[in-house]
Amino acid sequence: MGVSRTDLFTKEQNGLAQMAKVLAHPARIAILQHLIKTNACINGDLVQELGLAQATISQHLRELKEIGIVQGTIEGVSMSYCIAPEKWNEFKRLFNELFDQLETVDKKNCC
């Protein structure tokens, strides 16, 4: 597979694509849903909740943290994670802007 031509697209398009890429794994969606439900979590809880290995959970959390949608704090030997509200709202706004564009399209002229 060739190199992606991200230079052909705007900063906003590349950013939205990166957000979508991070969300495009069912384990990450499950992690986000669990964090939303509990409003905070210890990594070990995720292992029990999702049934995935600790290393796998850590890898997915790292991806979510890198994009900024999850934040974590160290508490002794455990790491607690939660949704980063500002980044969550940014994701929501950007995806809503994309989805809302269809409302302005003339639906009668669709193929």
PDB file of N, CA and C in Angstrom:
ATOM      1  N   MET A   1       0.840  -1.174   0.000  1.00  0.00           N
ATOM      2  CA  MET A   1       0.000   0.000   0.000  1.00  0.00           C
ATOM      3  C   MET A   1       0.882   1.232   0.000  1.00  0.00           C
ATOM      4  N   GLY A   2       0.526   2.226  -0.782  1.00  0.00           N
ATOM      5  CA  GLY A   2       1.314   3.438  -0.916  1.00  0.00           C
ATOM      6  C   GLY A   2       1.163   4.378   0.258  1.00  0.00           C
ATOM      7  N   VAL A   3       1.961   5.417   0.220  1.00  0.00           N
ATOM      8  CA  VAL A   3       1.921   6.444   1.249  1.00  0.00           C
ATOM      9  C   VAL A   3       0.678   7.292   1.052  1.00  0.00           C
ATOM     10  N   SER A   4       0.013   7.596   2.146  1.00  0.00           N
ATOM     11  CA  SER A   4      -1.194   8.423   2.093  1.00  0.00           C
ATOM     12  C   SER A   4      -0.818   9.858   1.732  1.00  0.00           C
ATOM     13  N   ARG A   5      -1.578  10.460   0.833  1.00  0.00           N
ATOM     14  CA  ARG A   5      -1.309  11.823   0.376  1.00  0.00           C
ATOM     15  C   ARG A   5      -2.068  12.838   1.220  1.00  0.00           C
ATOM     16  N   THR A   6      -1.709  12.926   2.481  1.00  0.00           N
ATOM     17  CA  THR A   6      -2.398  13.839   3.391  1.00  0.00           C
ATOM     18  C   THR A   6      -2.192  15.303   3.002  1.00  0.00           C
ATOM     19  N   ASP A   7      -1.156  15.589   2.226  1.00  0.00           N
ATOM     20  CA  ASP A   7      -0.894  16.970   1.816  1.00  0.00           C
ATOM     21  C   ASP A   7      -1.962  17.494   0.854  1.00  0.00           C
ATOM     22  N   LEU A   8      -2.773  16.614   0.299  1.00  0.00           N
ATOM     23  CA  LEU A   8      -3.835  17.027  -0.621  1.00  0.00           C
ATOM     24  C   LEU A   8      -5.064  17.547   0.120  1.00  0.00           C
ATOM     25  N   PHE A   9      -5.093  17.383   1.436  1.00  0.00           N
ATOM     26  CA  PHE A   9      -6.284  17.693   2.207  1.00  0.00           C
ATOM     27  C   PHE A   9      -6.006  18.774   3.238  1.00  0.00           C
ATOM     28  N   THR A  10      -7.079  19.408   3.698  1.00  0.00           N
ATOM     29  CA  THR A  10      -6.931  20.486   4.680  1.00  0.00           C
ATOM     30  C   THR A  10      -6.534  19.915   6.034  1.00  0.00           C
ATOM     31  N   LYS A  11      -6.069  20.790   6.882  1.00  0.00           N
ATOM     32  CA  LYS A  11      -5.713  20.411   8.251  1.00  0.00           C
ATOM     33  C   LYS A  11      -6.946  19.829   8.957  1.00  0.00           C
ATOM     34  N   GLU A  12      -8.105  20.436   8.728  1.00  0.00           N
ATOM     35  CA  GLU A  12      -9.339  19.967   9.356  1.00  0.00           C
ATOM     36  C   GLU A  12      -9.718  18.572   8.856  1.00  0.00           C
ATOM     37  N   GLN A  13      -9.585  18.347   7.556  1.00  0.00           N
ATOM     38  CA  GLN A  13      -9.908  17.025   7.002  1.00  0.00           C
ATOM     39  C   GLN A  13      -8.975  15.958   7.552  1.00  0.00           C
ATOM     40  N   ASN A  14      -7.689  16.270   7.621  1.00  0.00           N
ATOM     41  CA  ASN A  14      -6.724  15.320   8.171  1.00  0.00           C
ATOM     42  C   ASN A  14      -6.996  15.060   9.652  1.00  0.00           C
ATOM     43  N   GLY A  15      -7.347  16.106  10.391  1.00  0.00           N
ATOM     44  CA  GLY A  15      -7.651  15.950  11.814  1.00  0.00           C
ATOM     45  C   GLY A  15      -8.873  15.083  12.050  1.00  0.00           C
ATOM     46  N   LEU A  16      -9.921  15.325  11.286  1.00  0.00           N
ATOM     47  CA  LEU A  16     -11.140  14.536  11.423  1.00  0.00           C
ATOM     48  C   LEU A  16     -10.885  13.071  11.045  1.00  0.00           C
ATOM     49  N   ALA A  17     -10.093  12.861  10.018  1.00  0.00           N
ATOM     50  CA  ALA A  17      -9.749  11.492   9.606  1.00  0.00           C
ATOM     51  C   ALA A  17      -8.955  10.782  10.699  1.00  0.00           C
ATOM     52  N   GLN A  18      -8.045  11.499  11.335  1.00  0.00           N
ATOM     53  CA  GLN A  18      -7.257  10.904  12.417  1.00  0.00           C
ATOM     54  C   GLN A  18      -8.158  10.538  13.597  1.00  0.00           C
ATOM     55  N   MET A  19      -9.109  11.426  13.910  1.00  0.00           N
ATOM     56  CA  MET A  19     -10.060  11.122  14.985  1.00  0.00           C
ATOM     57  C   MET A  19     -10.861   9.868  14.648  1.00  0.00           C
ATOM     58  N   ALA A  20     -11.354   9.806  13.413  1.00  0.00           N
ATOM     59  CA  ALA A  20     -12.148   8.657  12.983  1.00  0.00           C
ATOM     60  C   ALA A  20     -11.311   7.374  13.045  1.00  0.00           C
ATOM     61  N   LYS A  21     -10.045   7.477  12.670  1.00  0.00           N
ATOM     62  CA  LYS A  21      -9.163   6.307  12.682  1.00  0.00           C
ATOM     63  C   LYS A  21      -8.994   5.769  14.105  1.00  0.00           C
ATOM     64  N   VAL A  22      -8.827   6.660  15.059  1.00  0.00           N
ATOM     65  CA  VAL A  22      -8.658   6.225  16.445  1.00  0.00           C
ATOM     66  C   VAL A  22      -9.945   5.580  16.964  1.00  0.00           C
ATOM     67  N   LEU A  23     -11.092   6.085  16.528  1.00  0.00           N
ATOM     68  CA  LEU A  23     -12.366   5.529  16.981  1.00  0.00           C
ATOM     69  C   LEU A  23     -12.756   4.253  16.234  1.00  0.00           C
ATOM     70  N   ALA A  24     -12.026   3.908  15.195  1.00  0.00           N
ATOM     71  CA  ALA A  24     -12.418   2.814  14.301  1.00  0.00           C
ATOM     72  C   ALA A  24     -11.986   1.430  14.791  1.00  0.00           C
ATOM     73  N   HIS A  25     -12.075   1.200  16.073  1.00  0.00           N
ATOM     74  CA  HIS A  25     -11.784  -0.123  16.614  1.00  0.00           C
ATOM     75  C   HIS A  25     -12.815  -0.418  17.701  1.00  0.00           C
ATOM     76  N   PRO A  26     -13.456  -1.569  17.643  1.00  0.00           N
ATOM     77  CA  PRO A  26     -14.515  -1.859  18.619  1.00  0.00           C
ATOM     78  C   PRO A  26     -14.034  -1.863  20.071  1.00  0.00           C
ATOM     79  N   ALA A  27     -12.795  -2.258  20.315  1.00  0.00           N
ATOM     80  CA  ALA A  27     -12.279  -2.245  21.693  1.00  0.00           C
ATOM     81  C   ALA A  27     -12.200  -0.810  22.218  1.00  0.00           C
ATOM     82  N   ARG A  28     -11.817   0.127  21.365  1.00  0.00           N
ATOM     83  CA  ARG A  28     -11.735   1.527  21.797  1.00  0.00           C
ATOM     84  C   ARG A  28     -13.118   2.097  22.056  1.00  0.00           C
ATOM     85  N   ILE A  29     -14.083   1.713  21.233  1.00  0.00           N
ATOM     86  CA  ILE A  29     -15.460   2.138  21.475  1.00  0.00           C
ATOM     87  C   ILE A  29     -15.938   1.574  22.811  1.00  0.00           C
ATOM     88  N   ALA A  30     -15.651   0.304  23.071  1.00  0.00           N
ATOM     89  CA  ALA A  30     -16.043  -0.320  24.332  1.00  0.00           C
ATOM     90  C   ALA A  30     -15.376   0.377  25.516  1.00  0.00           C
ATOM     91  N   ILE A  31     -14.114   0.739  25.380  1.00  0.00           N
ATOM     92  CA  ILE A  31     -13.408   1.462  26.443  1.00  0.00           C
ATOM     93  C   ILE A  31     -14.089   2.801  26.695  1.00  0.00           C
ATOM     94  N   LEU A  32     -14.376   3.543  25.634  1.00  0.00           N
ATOM     95  CA  LEU A  32     -15.036   4.836  25.791  1.00  0.00           C
ATOM     96  C   LEU A  32     -16.410   4.678  26.438  1.00  0.00           C
ATOM     97  N   GLN A  33     -17.167   3.682  26.015  1.00  0.00           N
ATOM     98  CA  GLN A  33     -18.487   3.454  26.602  1.00  0.00           C
ATOM     99  C   GLN A  33     -18.377   3.131  28.092  1.00  0.00           C
ATOM    100  N   HIS A  34     -17.385   2.332  28.452  1.00  0.00           N
ATOM    101  CA  HIS A  34     -17.198   1.995  29.865  1.00  0.00           C
ATOM    102  C   HIS A  34     -16.789   3.233  30.667  1.00  0.00           C
ATOM    103  N   LEU A  35     -15.899   4.037  30.122  1.00  0.00           N
ATOM    104  CA  LEU A  35     -15.482   5.254  30.820  1.00  0.00           C
ATOM    105  C   LEU A  35     -16.646   6.226  30.987  1.00  0.00           C
ATOM    106  N   ILE A  36     -17.492   6.316  29.968  1.00  0.00           N
ATOM    107  CA  ILE A  36     -18.666   7.187  30.061  1.00  0.00           C
ATOM    108  C   ILE A  36     -19.608   6.672  31.154  1.00  0.00           C
ATOM    109  N   LYS A  37     -19.827   5.364  31.153  1.00  0.00           N
ATOM    110  CA  LYS A  37     -20.751   4.754  32.116  1.00  0.00           C
ATOM    111  C   LYS A  37     -20.265   4.925  33.553  1.00  0.00           C
ATOM    112  N   THR A  38     -18.965   4.731  33.772  1.00  0.00           N
ATOM    113  CA  THR A  38     -18.429   4.780  35.137  1.00  0.00           C
ATOM    114  C   THR A  38     -17.910   6.156  35.522  1.00  0.00           C
ATOM    115  N   ASN A  39     -17.669   7.016  34.539  1.00  0.00           N
ATOM    116  CA  ASN A  39     -17.158   8.376  34.729  1.00  0.00           C
ATOM    117  C   ASN A  39     -15.744   8.400  35.290  1.00  0.00           C
ATOM    118  N   ALA A  40     -15.104   7.273  35.431  1.00  0.00           N
ATOM    119  CA  ALA A  40     -13.700   7.125  35.812  1.00  0.00           C
ATOM    120  C   ALA A  40     -13.448   5.634  35.876  1.00  0.00           C
ATOM    121  N   CYS A  41     -12.210   5.242  35.813  1.00  0.00           N
ATOM    122  CA  CYS A  41     -11.948   3.814  35.747  1.00  0.00           C
ATOM    123  C   CYS A  41     -10.493   3.545  36.057  1.00  0.00           C
ATOM    124  N   ILE A  42     -10.244   2.391  36.601  1.00  0.00           N
ATOM    125  CA  ILE A  42      -8.874   1.915  36.772  1.00  0.00           C
ATOM    126  C   ILE A  42      -8.635   0.889  35.675  1.00  0.00           C
ATOM    127  N   ASN A  43      -7.453   0.865  35.129  1.00  0.00           N
ATOM    128  CA  ASN A  43      -7.117  -0.015  34.019  1.00  0.00           C
ATOM    129  C   ASN A  43      -7.531  -1.459  34.274  1.00  0.00           C
ATOM    130  N   GLY A  44      -7.343  -1.958  35.486  1.00  0.00           N
ATOM    131  CA  GLY A  44      -7.715  -3.333  35.819  1.00  0.00           C
ATOM    132  C   GLY A  44      -9.195  -3.591  35.628  1.00  0.00           C
ATOM    133  N   ASP A  45     -10.035  -2.591  35.885  1.00  0.00           N
ATOM    134  CA  ASP A  45     -11.471  -2.727  35.672  1.00  0.00           C
ATOM    135  C   ASP A  45     -11.766  -2.979  34.204  1.00  0.00           C
ATOM    136  N   LEU A  46     -11.034  -2.367  33.336  1.00  0.00           N
ATOM    137  CA  LEU A  46     -11.246  -2.551  31.902  1.00  0.00           C
ATOM    138  C   LEU A  46     -10.906  -3.975  31.483  1.00  0.00           C
ATOM    139  N   VAL A  47      -9.877  -4.541  32.062  1.00  0.00           N
ATOM    140  CA  VAL A  47      -9.504  -5.915  31.737  1.00  0.00           C
ATOM    141  C   VAL A  47     -10.650  -6.847  32.112  1.00  0.00           C
ATOM    142  N   GLN A  48     -11.216  -6.660  33.296  1.00  0.00           N
ATOM    143  CA  GLN A  48     -12.350  -7.489  33.729  1.00  0.00           C
ATOM    144  C   GLN A  48     -13.582  -7.211  32.890  1.00  0.00           C
ATOM    145  N   GLU A  49     -13.857  -5.959  32.598  1.00  0.00           N
ATOM    146  CA  GLU A  49     -15.055  -5.570  31.862  1.00  0.00           C
ATOM    147  C   GLU A  49     -15.038  -6.069  30.420  1.00  0.00           C
ATOM    148  N   LEU A  50     -13.894  -5.929  29.750  1.00  0.00           N
ATOM    149  CA  LEU A  50     -13.819  -6.230  28.318  1.00  0.00           C
ATOM    150  C   LEU A  50     -13.288  -7.622  28.011  1.00  0.00           C
ATOM    151  N   GLY A  51     -12.596  -8.218  28.966  1.00  0.00           N
ATOM    152  CA  GLY A  51     -12.057  -9.550  28.736  1.00  0.00           C
ATOM    153  C   GLY A  51     -10.829  -9.569  27.837  1.00  0.00           C
ATOM    154  N   LEU A  52     -10.212  -8.421  27.653  1.00  0.00           N
ATOM    155  CA  LEU A  52      -8.983  -8.345  26.853  1.00  0.00           C
ATOM    156  C   LEU A  52      -7.768  -8.363  27.769  1.00  0.00           C
ATOM    157  N   ALA A  53      -6.628  -8.701  27.229  1.00  0.00           N
ATOM    158  CA  ALA A  53      -5.384  -8.728  27.998  1.00  0.00           C
ATOM    159  C   ALA A  53      -4.993  -7.309  28.421  1.00  0.00           C
ATOM    160  N   GLN A  54      -4.295  -7.227  29.540  1.00  0.00           N
ATOM    161  CA  GLN A  54      -3.827  -5.943  30.062  1.00  0.00           C
ATOM    162  C   GLN A  54      -3.012  -5.183  29.010  1.00  0.00           C
ATOM    163  N   ALA A  55      -2.135  -5.876  28.304  1.00  0.00           N
ATOM    164  CA  ALA A  55      -1.297  -5.226  27.294  1.00  0.00           C
ATOM    165  C   ALA A  55      -2.146  -4.660  26.154  1.00  0.00           C
ATOM    166  N   THR A  56      -3.189  -5.380  25.777  1.00  0.00           N
ATOM    167  CA  THR A  56      -4.081  -4.914  24.702  1.00  0.00           C
ATOM    168  C   THR A  56      -4.844  -3.679  25.143  1.00  0.00           C
ATOM    169  N   ILE A  57      -5.368  -3.704  26.365  1.00  0.00           N
ATOM    170  CA  ILE A  57      -6.076  -2.542  26.910  1.00  0.00           C
ATOM    171  C   ILE A  57      -5.135  -1.337  26.952  1.00  0.00           C
ATOM    172  N   SER A  58      -3.928  -1.543  27.412  1.00  0.00           N
ATOM    173  CA  SER A  58      -2.954  -0.455  27.502  1.00  0.00           C
ATOM    174  C   SER A  58      -2.653   0.140  26.133  1.00  0.00           C
ATOM    175  N   GLN A  59      -2.541  -0.707  25.126  1.00  0.00           N
ATOM    176  CA  GLN A  59      -2.270  -0.233  23.769  1.00  0.00           C
ATOM    177  C   GLN A  59      -3.424   0.649  23.272  1.00  0.00           C
ATOM    178  N   HIS A  60      -4.659   0.212  23.490  1.00  0.00           N
ATOM    179  CA  HIS A  60      -5.812   0.993  23.045  1.00  0.00           C
ATOM    180  C   HIS A  60      -5.931   2.293  23.837  1.00  0.00           C
ATOM    181  N   LEU A  61      -5.664   2.239  25.132  1.00  0.00           N
ATOM    182  CA  LEU A  61      -5.692   3.463  25.939  1.00  0.00           C
ATOM    183  C   LEU A  61      -4.625   4.451  25.472  1.00  0.00           C
ATOM    184  N   ARG A  62      -3.474   3.941  25.085  1.00  0.00           N
ATOM    185  CA  ARG A  62      -2.405   4.808  24.581  1.00  0.00           C
ATOM    186  C   ARG A  62      -2.871   5.551  23.325  1.00  0.00           C
ATOM    187  N   GLU A  63      -3.537   4.839  22.424  1.00  0.00           N
ATOM    188  CA  GLU A  63      -4.057   5.477  21.206  1.00  0.00           C
ATOM    189  C   GLU A  63      -5.084   6.558  21.550  1.00  0.00           C
ATOM    190  N   LEU A  64      -5.973   6.249  22.485  1.00  0.00           N
ATOM    191  CA  LEU A  64      -6.997   7.217  22.891  1.00  0.00           C
ATOM    192  C   LEU A  64      -6.379   8.421  23.595  1.00  0.00           C
ATOM    193  N   LYS A  65      -5.334   8.178  24.383  1.00  0.00           N
ATOM    194  CA  LYS A  65      -4.651   9.277  25.059  1.00  0.00           C
ATOM    195  C   LYS A  65      -3.886  10.151  24.069  1.00  0.00           C
ATOM    196  N   GLU A  66      -3.264   9.537  23.071  1.00  0.00           N
ATOM    197  CA  GLU A  66      -2.487  10.302  22.094  1.00  0.00           C
ATOM    198  C   GLU A  66      -3.354  11.304  21.335  1.00  0.00           C
ATOM    199  N   ILE A  67      -4.591  10.926  21.033  1.00  0.00           N
ATOM    200  CA  ILE A  67      -5.485  11.835  20.329  1.00  0.00           C
ATOM    201  C   ILE A  67      -6.140  12.812  21.321  1.00  0.00           C
ATOM    202  N   GLY A  68      -6.013  12.525  22.625  1.00  0.00           N
ATOM    203  CA  GLY A  68      -6.473  13.455  23.652  1.00  0.00           C
ATOM    204  C   GLY A  68      -7.886  13.239  24.156  1.00  0.00           C
ATOM    205  N   ILE A  69      -8.575  12.212  23.691  1.00  0.00           N
ATOM    206  CA  ILE A  69      -9.968  12.015  24.106  1.00  0.00           C
ATOM    207  C   ILE A  69     -10.070  11.355  25.481  1.00  0.00           C
ATOM    208  N   VAL A  70      -8.967  10.743  25.936  1.00  0.00           N
ATOM    209  CA  VAL A  70      -8.908  10.130  27.254  1.00  0.00           C
ATOM    210  C   VAL A  70      -7.728  10.733  27.994  1.00  0.00           C
ATOM    211  N   GLN A  71      -7.934  10.968  29.274  1.00  0.00           N
ATOM    212  CA  GLN A  71      -6.825  11.451  30.108  1.00  0.00           C
ATOM    213  C   GLN A  71      -6.652  10.497  31.272  1.00  0.00           C
ATOM    214  N   GLY A  72      -5.447  10.443  31.809  1.00  0.00           N
ATOM    215  CA  GLY A  72      -5.176   9.511  32.889  1.00  0.00           C
ATOM    216  C   GLY A  72      -4.328  10.142  33.972  1.00  0.00           C
ATOM    217  N   THR A  73      -4.491   9.640  35.181  1.00  0.00           N
ATOM    218  CA  THR A  73      -3.682  10.084  36.311  1.00  0.00           C
ATOM    219  C   THR A  73      -3.164   8.860  37.049  1.00  0.00           C
ATOM    220  N   ILE A  74      -1.970   8.987  37.599  1.00  0.00           N
ATOM    221  CA  ILE A  74      -1.365   7.894  38.358  1.00  0.00           C
ATOM    222  C   ILE A  74      -1.812   8.013  39.805  1.00  0.00           C
ATOM    223  N   GLU A  75      -2.314   6.903  40.340  1.00  0.00           N
ATOM    224  CA  GLU A  75      -2.719   6.822  41.746  1.00  0.00           C
ATOM    225  C   GLU A  75      -2.048   5.601  42.346  1.00  0.00           C
ATOM    226  N   GLY A  76      -0.909   5.809  42.969  1.00  0.00           N
ATOM    227  CA  GLY A  76      -0.134   4.689  43.502  1.00  0.00           C
ATOM    228  C   GLY A  76       0.422   3.867  42.358  1.00  0.00           C
ATOM    229  N   VAL A  77       0.072   2.583  42.329  1.00  0.00           N
ATOM    230  CA  VAL A  77       0.540   1.713  41.252  1.00  0.00           C
ATOM    231  C   VAL A  77      -0.496   1.588  40.145  1.00  0.00           C
ATOM    232  N   SER A  78      -1.628   2.252  40.299  1.00  0.00           N
ATOM    233  CA  SER A  78      -2.695   2.167  39.302  1.00  0.00           C
ATOM    234  C   SER A  78      -2.796   3.458  38.501  1.00  0.00           C
ATOM    235  N   MET A  79      -3.361   3.319  37.335  1.00  0.00           N
ATOM    236  CA  MET A  79      -3.601   4.460  36.463  1.00  0.00           C
ATOM    237  C   MET A  79      -5.114   4.599  36.327  1.00  0.00           C
ATOM    238  N   SER A  80      -5.645   5.767  36.605  1.00  0.00           N
ATOM    239  CA  SER A  80      -7.079   6.010  36.453  1.00  0.00           C
ATOM    240  C   SER A  80      -7.302   6.813  35.187  1.00  0.00           C
ATOM    241  N   TYR A  81      -8.326   6.449  34.445  1.00  0.00           N
ATOM    242  CA  TYR A  81      -8.627   7.093  33.177  1.00  0.00           C
ATOM    243  C   TYR A  81     -10.034   7.659  33.199  1.00  0.00           C
ATOM    244  N   CYS A  82     -10.230   8.717  32.426  1.00  0.00           N
ATOM    245  CA  CYS A  82     -11.564   9.282  32.235  1.00  0.00           C
ATOM    246  C   CYS A  82     -11.603   9.980  30.875  1.00  0.00           C
ATOM    247  N   ILE A  83     -12.809  10.310  30.447  1.00  0.00           N
ATOM    248  CA  ILE A  83     -12.997  11.063  29.210  1.00  0.00           C
ATOM    249  C   ILE A  83     -12.488  12.488  29.432  1.00  0.00           C
ATOM    250  N   ALA A  84     -11.753  13.010  28.479  1.00  0.00           N
ATOM    251  CA  ALA A  84     -11.299  14.411  28.525  1.00  0.00           C
ATOM    252  C   ALA A  84     -12.425  15.273  27.950  1.00  0.00           C
ATOM    253  N   PRO A  85     -13.168  15.995  28.787  1.00  0.00           N
ATOM    254  CA  PRO A  85     -14.381  16.672  28.335  1.00  0.00           C
ATOM    255  C   PRO A  85     -14.181  17.671  27.192  1.00  0.00           C
ATOM    256  N   GLU A  86     -13.119  18.443  27.230  1.00  0.00           N
ATOM    257  CA  GLU A  86     -12.901  19.429  26.164  1.00  0.00           C
ATOM    258  C   GLU A  86     -12.678  18.751  24.821  1.00  0.00           C
ATOM    259  N   LYS A  87     -11.861  17.711  24.806  1.00  0.00           N
ATOM    260  CA  LYS A  87     -11.584  16.998  23.559  1.00  0.00           C
ATOM    261  C   LYS A  87     -12.830  16.245  23.089  1.00  0.00           C
ATOM    262  N   TRP A  88     -13.577  15.677  24.026  1.00  0.00           N
ATOM    263  CA  TRP A  88     -14.819  14.980  23.687  1.00  0.00           C
ATOM    264  C   TRP A  88     -15.766  15.946  22.971  1.00  0.00           C
ATOM    265  N   ASN A  89     -15.903  17.140  23.531  1.00  0.00           N
ATOM    266  CA  ASN A  89     -16.784  18.139  22.916  1.00  0.00           C
ATOM    267  C   ASN A  89     -16.278  18.583  21.550  1.00  0.00           C
ATOM    268  N   GLU A  90     -14.959  18.640  21.380  1.00  0.00           N
ATOM    269  CA  GLU A  90     -14.390  18.976  20.075  1.00  0.00           C
ATOM    270  C   GLU A  90     -14.721  17.886  19.050  1.00  0.00           C
ATOM    271  N   PHE A  91     -14.546  16.624  19.437  1.00  0.00           N
ATOM    272  CA  PHE A  91     -14.903  15.512  18.547  1.00  0.00           C
ATOM    273  C   PHE A  91     -16.372  15.628  18.144  1.00  0.00           C
ATOM    274  N   LYS A  92     -17.210  15.829  19.142  1.00  0.00           N
ATOM    275  CA  LYS A  92     -18.652  15.919  18.907  1.00  0.00           C
ATOM    276  C   LYS A  92     -18.978  17.058  17.946  1.00  0.00           C
ATOM    277  N   ARG A  93     -18.374  18.196  18.157  1.00  0.00           N
ATOM    278  CA  ARG A  93     -18.628  19.355  17.303  1.00  0.00           C
ATOM    279  C   ARG A  93     -18.185  19.094  15.867  1.00  0.00           C
ATOM    280  N   LEU A  94     -16.979  18.564  15.690  1.00  0.00           N
ATOM    281  CA  LEU A  94     -16.451  18.335  14.348  1.00  0.00           C
ATOM    282  C   LEU A  94     -17.250  17.287  13.584  1.00  0.00           C
ATOM    283  N   PHE A  95     -17.615  16.205  14.246  1.00  0.00           N
ATOM    284  CA  PHE A  95     -18.407  15.175  13.566  1.00  0.00           C
ATOM    285  C   PHE A  95     -19.822  15.685  13.282  1.00  0.00           C
ATOM    286  N   ASN A  96     -20.395  16.443  14.209  1.00  0.00           N
ATOM    287  CA  ASN A  96     -21.721  17.013  13.966  1.00  0.00           C
ATOM    288  C   ASN A  96     -21.696  17.985  12.791  1.00  0.00           C
ATOM    289  N   GLU A  97     -20.646  18.783  12.682  1.00  0.00           N
ATOM    290  CA  GLU A  97     -20.521  19.705  11.542  1.00  0.00           C
ATOM    291  C   GLU A  97     -20.489  18.924  10.230  1.00  0.00           C
ATOM    292  N   LEU A  98     -19.772  17.823  10.212  1.00  0.00           N
ATOM    293  CA  LEU A  98     -19.710  16.984   9.018  1.00  0.00           C
ATOM    294  C   LEU A  98     -21.091  16.402   8.698  1.00  0.00           C
ATOM    295  N   PHE A  99     -21.725  15.809   9.690  1.00  0.00           N
ATOM    296  CA  PHE A  99     -23.024  15.171   9.465  1.00  0.00           C
ATOM    297  C   PHE A  99     -24.110  16.186   9.129  1.00  0.00           C
ATOM    298  N   ASP A 100     -24.034  17.367   9.728  1.00  0.00           N
ATOM    299  CA  ASP A 100     -25.049  18.394   9.486  1.00  0.00           C
ATOM    300  C   ASP A 100     -24.973  18.976   8.081  1.00  0.00           C
ATOM    301  N   GLN A 101     -23.870  18.795   7.374  1.00  0.00           N
ATOM    302  CA  GLN A 101     -23.746  19.324   6.017  1.00  0.00           C
ATOM    303  C   GLN A 101     -24.772  18.714   5.077  1.00  0.00           C
ATOM    304  N   LEU A 102     -25.198  17.493   5.339  1.00  0.00           N
ATOM    305  CA  LEU A 102     -26.169  16.839   4.468  1.00  0.00           C
ATOM    306  C   LEU A 102     -27.523  17.531   4.514  1.00  0.00           C
ATOM    307  N   GLU A 103     -27.854  18.159   5.618  1.00  0.00           N
ATOM    308  CA  GLU A 103     -29.135  18.840   5.739  1.00  0.00           C
ATOM    309  C   GLU A 103     -29.265  19.980   4.731  1.00  0.00           C
ATOM    310  N   THR A 104     -28.144  20.506   4.253  1.00  0.00           N
ATOM    311  CA  THR A 104     -28.192  21.616   3.309  1.00  0.00           C
ATOM    312  C   THR A 104     -28.163  21.132   1.851  1.00  0.00           C
ATOM    313  N   VAL A 105     -28.010  19.834   1.633  1.00  0.00           N
ATOM    314  CA  VAL A 105     -27.965  19.272   0.291  1.00  0.00           C
ATOM    315  C   VAL A 105     -29.392  19.045  -0.205  1.00  0.00           C
ATOM    316  N   ASP A 106     -29.630  19.303  -1.479  1.00  0.00           N
ATOM    317  CA  ASP A 106     -30.930  19.058  -2.080  1.00  0.00           C
ATOM    318  C   ASP A 106     -31.123  17.552  -2.219  1.00  0.00           C
ATOM    319  N   LYS A 107     -31.935  16.967  -1.355  1.00  0.00           N
ATOM    320  CA  LYS A 107     -32.099  15.512  -1.299  1.00  0.00           C
ATOM    321  C   LYS A 107     -32.854  14.976  -2.514  1.00  0.00           C
ATOM    322  N   LYS A 108     -33.574  15.806  -3.241  1.00  0.00           N
ATOM    323  CA  LYS A 108     -34.321  15.356  -4.413  1.00  0.00           C
ATOM    324  C   LYS A 108     -33.382  15.069  -5.581  1.00  0.00           C
ATOM    325  N   ASN A 109     -32.192  15.676  -5.599  1.00  0.00           N
ATOM    326  CA  ASN A 109     -31.250  15.475  -6.686  1.00  0.00           C
ATOM    327  C   ASN A 109     -30.207  14.413  -6.368  1.00  0.00           C
ATOM    328  N   CYS A 110     -30.505  13.555  -5.424  1.00  0.00           N
ATOM    329  CA  CYS A 110     -29.568  12.501  -5.052  1.00  0.00           C
ATOM    330  C   CYS A 110     -29.751  11.309  -6.007  1.00  0.00           C
ATOM    331  N   CYS A 111     -28.678  10.610  -6.292  1.00  0.00           N
ATOM    332  CA  CYS A 111     -28.726   9.500  -7.243  1.00  0.00           C
ATOM    333  C   CYS A 111     -29.548   8.334  -6.784  1.00  0.00           C
TER     334      CYS A 111
END
